[in-house]
């Protein structure tokens, strides 16, 4: 199906003027009217050896990128009675890295050969209740 559109010199001049303003092909078609289509504009510009660069003016304003929504923080609730850290160290399961399960405490022990506490982690933490509390004490002392 071909759509025979006539291109009198006045229409070509107006097309070149709109092209020079940086309008998109859709905007040029709207400005020229008379059933003009975006594809007709693209075809004529192509036959004239012109290509429409990235338009300066478009039908819709550009969509601004939205910043990702922050993830909600997980609140860690400590049990009312937290075991003494010294008792945890004495009763450490002394697991190797390969023996650790997904919910085991990752508090390290040792200098050359590392083992880990291995007690059950607090939800949202890598440590058991006692080592979680100890990590905050250490961080607080370093900051002071």
N, C-alpha and C. Protein backbone atom coordinates (compact mmCIF):
# COMPACT_ATOMS: atom_id res chain seq x y z
N UNK A 1 0.85 -1.17 0.00
CA UNK A 1 0.00 0.00 0.00
C UNK A 1 0.89 1.23 0.00
N UNK A 2 0.79 2.01 -1.02
CA UNK A 2 1.63 3.21 -1.05
C UNK A 2 0.76 4.43 -0.82
N UNK A 3 1.32 5.37 -0.13
CA UNK A 3 0.63 6.61 0.19
C UNK A 3 1.33 7.72 -0.58
N UNK A 4 0.71 8.17 -1.66
CA UNK A 4 1.33 9.19 -2.50
C UNK A 4 1.13 10.56 -1.88
N UNK A 5 2.20 11.09 -1.33
CA UNK A 5 2.16 12.42 -0.73
C UNK A 5 2.93 13.34 -1.67
N UNK A 6 2.30 14.44 -1.96
CA UNK A 6 2.98 15.41 -2.83
C UNK A 6 3.85 16.30 -1.96
N UNK A 7 4.97 16.68 -2.54
CA UNK A 7 5.92 17.52 -1.82
C UNK A 7 6.16 18.81 -2.61
N UNK A 8 5.21 19.75 -2.55
CA UNK A 8 5.47 21.04 -3.20
C UNK A 8 6.63 21.74 -2.50
N UNK A 9 7.23 22.69 -3.20
CA UNK A 9 8.41 23.37 -2.66
C UNK A 9 8.12 24.03 -1.32
N UNK A 10 6.92 24.58 -1.12
CA UNK A 10 6.57 25.22 0.15
C UNK A 10 6.65 24.22 1.30
N UNK A 11 6.13 23.00 1.05
CA UNK A 11 6.15 21.96 2.09
C UNK A 11 7.59 21.53 2.36
N UNK A 12 8.41 21.39 1.33
CA UNK A 12 9.82 21.00 1.51
C UNK A 12 10.55 22.08 2.31
N UNK A 13 10.30 23.36 1.98
CA UNK A 13 10.95 24.45 2.72
C UNK A 13 10.55 24.41 4.20
N UNK A 14 9.26 24.19 4.44
CA UNK A 14 8.78 24.12 5.83
C UNK A 14 9.42 22.92 6.54
N UNK A 15 9.54 21.78 5.84
CA UNK A 15 10.18 20.60 6.40
C UNK A 15 11.62 20.90 6.78
N UNK A 16 12.36 21.56 5.90
CA UNK A 16 13.75 21.90 6.18
C UNK A 16 13.85 22.86 7.36
N UNK A 17 12.91 23.78 7.47
CA UNK A 17 12.89 24.72 8.59
C UNK A 17 12.67 23.97 9.90
N UNK A 18 11.70 23.05 9.92
CA UNK A 18 11.42 22.26 11.13
C UNK A 18 12.60 21.35 11.47
N UNK A 19 13.23 20.81 10.41
CA UNK A 19 14.40 19.96 10.61
C UNK A 19 15.52 20.76 11.27
N UNK A 20 15.71 21.99 10.81
CA UNK A 20 16.74 22.86 11.38
C UNK A 20 16.46 23.23 12.83
N UNK A 21 15.19 23.24 13.24
CA UNK A 21 14.84 23.53 14.64
C UNK A 21 15.09 22.35 15.55
N UNK A 22 15.33 21.20 14.96
CA UNK A 22 15.65 20.02 15.77
C UNK A 22 14.44 19.24 16.24
N UNK A 23 13.28 19.44 15.58
CA UNK A 23 12.09 18.71 15.98
C UNK A 23 12.22 17.24 15.59
N UNK A 24 11.50 16.40 16.31
CA UNK A 24 11.47 14.98 15.97
C UNK A 24 10.60 14.81 14.72
N UNK A 25 10.70 13.66 14.07
CA UNK A 25 9.90 13.41 12.87
C UNK A 25 8.42 13.41 13.20
N UNK A 26 8.05 12.93 14.38
CA UNK A 26 6.64 12.95 14.79
C UNK A 26 6.14 14.38 14.92
N UNK A 27 6.96 15.25 15.52
CA UNK A 27 6.57 16.65 15.69
C UNK A 27 6.47 17.34 14.32
N UNK A 28 7.40 17.02 13.40
CA UNK A 28 7.34 17.61 12.07
C UNK A 28 6.06 17.21 11.35
N UNK A 29 5.66 15.93 11.50
CA UNK A 29 4.43 15.46 10.87
C UNK A 29 3.22 16.20 11.41
N UNK A 30 3.18 16.44 12.70
CA UNK A 30 2.08 17.20 13.29
C UNK A 30 2.06 18.63 12.80
N UNK A 31 3.23 19.24 12.69
CA UNK A 31 3.32 20.64 12.24
C UNK A 31 2.90 20.78 10.78
N UNK A 32 3.30 19.81 9.93
CA UNK A 32 2.98 19.90 8.51
C UNK A 32 1.51 19.57 8.23
N UNK A 33 0.89 18.71 9.06
CA UNK A 33 -0.53 18.39 8.90
C UNK A 33 -0.84 17.66 7.61
N UNK A 34 -2.06 17.80 7.10
CA UNK A 34 -2.52 17.19 5.84
C UNK A 34 -2.27 15.68 5.80
N UNK A 35 -2.49 14.98 6.90
CA UNK A 35 -2.32 13.53 6.92
C UNK A 35 -0.88 13.09 6.83
N UNK A 36 0.05 13.99 7.10
CA UNK A 36 1.46 13.66 7.05
C UNK A 36 1.79 12.69 8.18
N UNK A 37 2.62 11.70 7.89
CA UNK A 37 3.00 10.71 8.91
C UNK A 37 4.48 10.82 9.22
N UNK A 38 4.82 10.26 10.33
CA UNK A 38 6.23 10.23 10.76
C UNK A 38 7.07 9.50 9.72
N UNK A 39 6.54 8.38 9.21
CA UNK A 39 7.29 7.61 8.21
C UNK A 39 7.48 8.37 6.91
N UNK A 40 6.49 9.19 6.54
CA UNK A 40 6.63 10.00 5.32
C UNK A 40 7.76 11.01 5.51
N UNK A 41 7.84 11.59 6.70
CA UNK A 41 8.91 12.56 7.00
C UNK A 41 10.27 11.86 6.95
N UNK A 42 10.35 10.70 7.56
CA UNK A 42 11.61 9.95 7.57
C UNK A 42 12.03 9.62 6.14
N UNK A 43 11.07 9.16 5.33
CA UNK A 43 11.38 8.82 3.94
C UNK A 43 11.87 10.02 3.14
N UNK A 44 11.20 11.17 3.28
CA UNK A 44 11.60 12.37 2.53
C UNK A 44 12.99 12.84 2.97
N UNK A 45 13.22 12.87 4.28
CA UNK A 45 14.54 13.29 4.75
C UNK A 45 15.63 12.35 4.24
N UNK A 46 15.30 11.06 4.21
CA UNK A 46 16.28 10.08 3.71
C UNK A 46 16.57 10.30 2.23
N UNK A 47 15.52 10.55 1.46
CA UNK A 47 15.72 10.81 0.02
C UNK A 47 16.51 12.09 -0.22
N UNK A 48 16.39 13.05 0.71
CA UNK A 48 17.13 14.30 0.57
C UNK A 48 18.55 14.18 1.11
N UNK A 49 18.90 13.00 1.62
CA UNK A 49 20.25 12.78 2.15
C UNK A 49 20.43 13.33 3.55
N UNK A 50 19.33 13.56 4.24
CA UNK A 50 19.40 14.09 5.61
C UNK A 50 18.97 13.00 6.58
N UNK A 51 19.56 13.03 7.73
CA UNK A 51 19.09 12.11 8.77
C UNK A 51 18.72 12.95 9.97
N UNK A 52 17.72 12.53 10.67
CA UNK A 52 17.25 13.31 11.81
C UNK A 52 18.09 12.94 13.03
N UNK A 53 18.92 13.88 13.51
CA UNK A 53 19.71 13.58 14.70
C UNK A 53 18.79 13.46 15.91
N UNK A 54 19.36 13.12 17.03
CA UNK A 54 18.58 13.01 18.26
C UNK A 54 17.83 14.32 18.45
N UNK A 55 16.50 14.26 18.52
CA UNK A 55 15.73 15.51 18.55
C UNK A 55 15.95 16.30 19.83
N UNK A 56 15.96 17.63 19.64
CA UNK A 56 16.08 18.51 20.81
C UNK A 56 14.73 18.67 21.47
N UNK A 57 13.65 18.64 20.67
CA UNK A 57 12.30 18.79 21.20
C UNK A 57 11.53 17.52 20.86
N UNK A 58 10.87 16.95 21.83
CA UNK A 58 10.09 15.74 21.61
C UNK A 58 8.67 15.95 22.07
N UNK A 59 7.81 15.00 21.76
CA UNK A 59 6.41 15.09 22.18
C UNK A 59 6.29 15.03 23.70
N UNK A 60 7.05 14.14 24.31
CA UNK A 60 6.97 13.96 25.76
C UNK A 60 8.28 14.42 26.39
N UNK A 61 8.20 14.95 27.59
CA UNK A 61 9.45 15.29 28.27
C UNK A 61 10.22 14.01 28.60
N UNK A 62 11.54 14.07 28.60
CA UNK A 62 12.32 12.87 28.90
C UNK A 62 12.03 12.38 30.32
N UNK A 63 12.06 11.08 30.47
CA UNK A 63 11.80 10.47 31.77
C UNK A 63 13.08 10.53 32.59
N UNK A 64 12.98 11.10 33.77
CA UNK A 64 14.15 11.18 34.64
C UNK A 64 14.33 9.85 35.35
N UNK A 65 15.58 9.45 35.46
CA UNK A 65 15.88 8.20 36.17
C UNK A 65 15.57 8.39 37.64
N UNK A 66 14.87 7.41 38.19
CA UNK A 66 14.52 7.48 39.60
C UNK A 66 15.57 6.75 40.41
N UNK A 67 15.90 7.34 41.54
CA UNK A 67 16.86 6.70 42.44
C UNK A 67 16.21 5.44 43.02
N UNK A 68 17.01 4.38 43.18
CA UNK A 68 16.43 3.17 43.75
C UNK A 68 15.93 3.42 45.17
N UNK A 69 14.83 2.77 45.50
CA UNK A 69 14.26 2.93 46.83
C UNK A 69 15.17 2.24 47.84
N UNK A 70 15.43 2.91 48.97
CA UNK A 70 16.29 2.27 49.97
C UNK A 70 15.61 1.04 50.56
N UNK A 71 16.41 0.04 50.84
CA UNK A 71 15.89 -1.18 51.44
C UNK A 71 15.60 -0.93 52.92
N UNK A 72 14.51 -1.49 53.41
CA UNK A 72 14.22 -1.30 54.84
C UNK A 72 15.28 -1.98 55.69
N UNK A 73 15.61 -1.36 56.79
CA UNK A 73 16.62 -1.92 57.69
C UNK A 73 16.01 -3.04 58.51
N UNK A 74 16.82 -4.04 58.76
CA UNK A 74 16.38 -5.14 59.60
C UNK A 74 16.74 -4.79 61.04
N UNK A 75 15.75 -4.83 61.88
CA UNK A 75 16.01 -4.58 63.30
C UNK A 75 16.33 -5.90 63.97
N UNK A 76 17.50 -5.95 64.59
CA UNK A 76 17.91 -7.16 65.28
C UNK A 76 17.49 -7.04 66.73
N UNK A 77 16.73 -8.00 67.18
CA UNK A 77 16.28 -8.00 68.57
C UNK A 77 17.12 -9.01 69.34
N UNK A 78 17.79 -8.51 70.37
CA UNK A 78 18.58 -9.40 71.23
C UNK A 78 17.66 -10.09 72.22
N UNK A 79 17.96 -11.35 72.57
CA UNK A 79 17.18 -12.00 73.61
C UNK A 79 17.36 -11.25 74.93
N UNK A 80 16.37 -11.37 75.80
CA UNK A 80 16.45 -10.66 77.08
C UNK A 80 17.70 -11.05 77.86
N UNK A 81 17.98 -12.35 77.90
CA UNK A 81 19.17 -12.81 78.62
C UNK A 81 20.21 -13.23 77.60
N UNK A 82 21.28 -12.47 77.52
CA UNK A 82 22.36 -12.76 76.58
C UNK A 82 23.42 -13.55 77.33
N UNK A 83 23.85 -14.70 76.79
CA UNK A 83 24.88 -15.48 77.49
C UNK A 83 26.18 -14.70 77.60
N UNK A 84 26.94 -14.99 78.61
CA UNK A 84 28.24 -14.36 78.83
C UNK A 84 29.19 -14.77 77.70
N UNK A 85 29.92 -13.82 77.16
CA UNK A 85 30.83 -14.09 76.04
C UNK A 85 31.87 -15.12 76.43
N UNK A 86 32.35 -15.06 77.65
CA UNK A 86 33.37 -16.02 78.08
C UNK A 86 32.84 -17.44 78.03
N UNK A 87 31.55 -17.63 78.33
CA UNK A 87 30.96 -18.96 78.29
C UNK A 87 30.83 -19.44 76.84
N UNK A 88 30.53 -18.54 75.95
CA UNK A 88 30.42 -18.91 74.54
C UNK A 88 31.77 -19.37 74.03
N UNK A 89 32.84 -18.65 74.42
CA UNK A 89 34.17 -19.04 73.96
C UNK A 89 34.53 -20.43 74.50
N UNK A 90 34.17 -20.72 75.75
CA UNK A 90 34.50 -22.02 76.32
C UNK A 90 33.69 -23.13 75.65
N UNK A 91 32.43 -22.81 75.31
CA UNK A 91 31.59 -23.86 74.73
C UNK A 91 31.53 -23.75 73.20
N UNK A 92 32.49 -23.05 72.61
CA UNK A 92 32.51 -22.89 71.16
C UNK A 92 32.53 -24.26 70.49
N UNK A 93 31.82 -24.37 69.40
CA UNK A 93 31.77 -25.63 68.68
C UNK A 93 33.03 -25.85 67.85
N UNK A 94 33.86 -24.79 67.69
CA UNK A 94 35.14 -24.84 66.97
C UNK A 94 35.01 -25.53 65.61
N UNK A 95 34.11 -24.97 64.79
CA UNK A 95 33.88 -25.50 63.45
C UNK A 95 34.87 -24.90 62.46
N UNK A 96 35.28 -25.68 61.49
CA UNK A 96 36.12 -25.15 60.42
C UNK A 96 35.21 -24.46 59.40
N UNK A 97 35.82 -23.73 58.49
CA UNK A 97 35.05 -23.01 57.48
C UNK A 97 34.18 -23.96 56.66
N UNK A 98 34.71 -25.11 56.33
CA UNK A 98 33.94 -26.07 55.53
C UNK A 98 32.82 -26.74 56.33
N UNK A 99 32.91 -26.73 57.67
CA UNK A 99 31.88 -27.34 58.51
C UNK A 99 30.73 -26.40 58.84
N UNK A 100 30.90 -25.08 58.59
CA UNK A 100 29.87 -24.11 58.96
C UNK A 100 28.59 -24.34 58.17
N UNK A 101 27.45 -24.25 58.84
CA UNK A 101 26.15 -24.29 58.19
C UNK A 101 25.69 -22.84 57.96
N UNK A 102 24.60 -22.66 57.26
CA UNK A 102 24.12 -21.33 56.89
C UNK A 102 23.77 -20.47 58.11
N UNK A 103 23.28 -21.08 59.19
CA UNK A 103 22.86 -20.28 60.35
C UNK A 103 23.81 -20.38 61.53
N UNK A 104 25.07 -20.79 61.29
CA UNK A 104 26.07 -20.87 62.36
C UNK A 104 26.78 -19.53 62.55
N UNK A 105 27.13 -19.23 63.80
CA UNK A 105 27.86 -18.00 64.13
C UNK A 105 29.23 -18.01 63.47
N UNK A 106 29.62 -16.89 62.86
CA UNK A 106 30.89 -16.81 62.15
C UNK A 106 31.97 -16.08 62.94
N UNK A 107 31.87 -16.06 64.26
CA UNK A 107 32.90 -15.41 65.09
C UNK A 107 34.16 -16.26 65.02
N UNK A 108 35.30 -15.69 64.57
CA UNK A 108 36.52 -16.50 64.38
C UNK A 108 37.32 -16.65 65.68
N UNK A 109 38.00 -17.79 65.76
CA UNK A 109 38.95 -18.07 66.84
C UNK A 109 40.24 -18.55 66.21
N UNK A 110 41.37 -18.22 66.84
CA UNK A 110 42.65 -18.74 66.39
C UNK A 110 43.48 -17.72 65.66
N UNK A 111 44.78 -18.09 65.47
CA UNK A 111 45.72 -17.23 64.77
C UNK A 111 46.08 -17.79 63.40
N UNK A 112 46.54 -19.02 63.36
CA UNK A 112 46.92 -19.61 62.08
C UNK A 112 45.83 -20.54 61.56
N UNK A 113 45.31 -21.37 62.41
CA UNK A 113 44.22 -22.27 62.06
C UNK A 113 42.93 -21.69 62.63
N UNK A 114 42.08 -21.16 61.77
CA UNK A 114 40.85 -20.54 62.24
C UNK A 114 39.75 -21.57 62.44
N UNK A 115 39.02 -21.40 63.52
CA UNK A 115 37.77 -22.11 63.73
C UNK A 115 36.72 -21.05 64.04
N UNK A 116 35.47 -21.47 64.05
CA UNK A 116 34.39 -20.52 64.26
C UNK A 116 33.49 -21.00 65.39
N UNK A 117 32.81 -20.04 66.01
CA UNK A 117 31.94 -20.30 67.16
C UNK A 117 30.93 -21.40 66.84
N UNK A 118 30.10 -21.22 65.83
CA UNK A 118 29.19 -22.26 65.41
C UNK A 118 27.84 -22.28 66.10
N UNK A 119 27.62 -21.43 67.12
CA UNK A 119 26.29 -21.37 67.75
C UNK A 119 25.31 -20.73 66.78
N UNK A 120 24.03 -20.86 67.05
CA UNK A 120 22.98 -20.35 66.17
C UNK A 120 23.05 -18.82 66.07
N UNK A 121 22.97 -18.29 64.83
CA UNK A 121 23.02 -16.84 64.57
C UNK A 121 21.73 -16.17 65.01
N UNK A 122 21.87 -14.87 65.32
CA UNK A 122 20.68 -14.03 65.47
C UNK A 122 20.14 -13.76 64.07
N UNK A 123 18.84 -13.59 63.93
CA UNK A 123 18.27 -13.29 62.63
C UNK A 123 18.78 -11.93 62.14
N UNK A 124 19.31 -11.88 60.94
CA UNK A 124 19.83 -10.65 60.37
C UNK A 124 21.27 -10.36 60.76
N UNK A 125 21.95 -11.30 61.42
CA UNK A 125 23.32 -11.09 61.85
C UNK A 125 24.16 -12.31 61.46
N UNK A 126 25.48 -12.13 61.45
CA UNK A 126 26.38 -13.25 61.18
C UNK A 126 26.83 -13.92 62.47
N UNK A 127 26.44 -13.34 63.61
CA UNK A 127 26.94 -13.82 64.91
C UNK A 127 25.81 -14.28 65.81
N UNK A 128 26.18 -15.07 66.80
CA UNK A 128 25.24 -15.44 67.86
C UNK A 128 25.01 -14.21 68.74
N UNK A 129 24.08 -14.31 69.70
CA UNK A 129 23.73 -13.15 70.53
C UNK A 129 24.94 -12.60 71.27
N UNK A 130 25.75 -13.47 71.87
CA UNK A 130 26.90 -13.00 72.66
C UNK A 130 27.94 -12.31 71.78
N UNK A 131 28.26 -12.91 70.65
CA UNK A 131 29.28 -12.30 69.78
C UNK A 131 28.75 -11.05 69.08
N UNK A 132 27.46 -11.00 68.83
CA UNK A 132 26.87 -9.79 68.28
C UNK A 132 27.04 -8.65 69.26
N UNK A 133 26.72 -8.90 70.51
CA UNK A 133 26.87 -7.89 71.55
C UNK A 133 28.34 -7.49 71.68
N UNK A 134 29.24 -8.46 71.65
CA UNK A 134 30.67 -8.19 71.76
C UNK A 134 31.15 -7.33 70.59
N UNK A 135 30.65 -7.57 69.39
CA UNK A 135 31.09 -6.79 68.23
C UNK A 135 30.70 -5.32 68.39
N UNK A 136 29.55 -5.05 69.02
CA UNK A 136 29.17 -3.67 69.26
C UNK A 136 30.03 -3.04 70.33
N UNK A 137 30.40 -3.79 71.33
CA UNK A 137 31.29 -3.25 72.37
C UNK A 137 32.64 -2.89 71.76
N UNK A 138 33.18 -3.76 70.91
CA UNK A 138 34.48 -3.48 70.28
C UNK A 138 34.39 -2.26 69.39
N UNK A 139 33.33 -2.15 68.59
CA UNK A 139 33.16 -1.00 67.71
C UNK A 139 33.00 0.30 68.52
N UNK A 140 32.29 0.23 69.62
CA UNK A 140 32.08 1.40 70.45
C UNK A 140 33.41 1.86 71.06
N UNK A 141 34.23 0.91 71.52
CA UNK A 141 35.54 1.27 72.10
C UNK A 141 36.46 1.90 71.07
N UNK A 142 36.43 1.37 69.84
CA UNK A 142 37.29 1.93 68.79
C UNK A 142 36.88 3.35 68.43
N UNK A 143 35.58 3.62 68.46
CA UNK A 143 35.08 4.93 68.08
C UNK A 143 35.35 5.98 69.16
N UNK A 144 35.42 5.55 70.41
CA UNK A 144 35.61 6.49 71.52
C UNK A 144 37.02 6.98 71.64
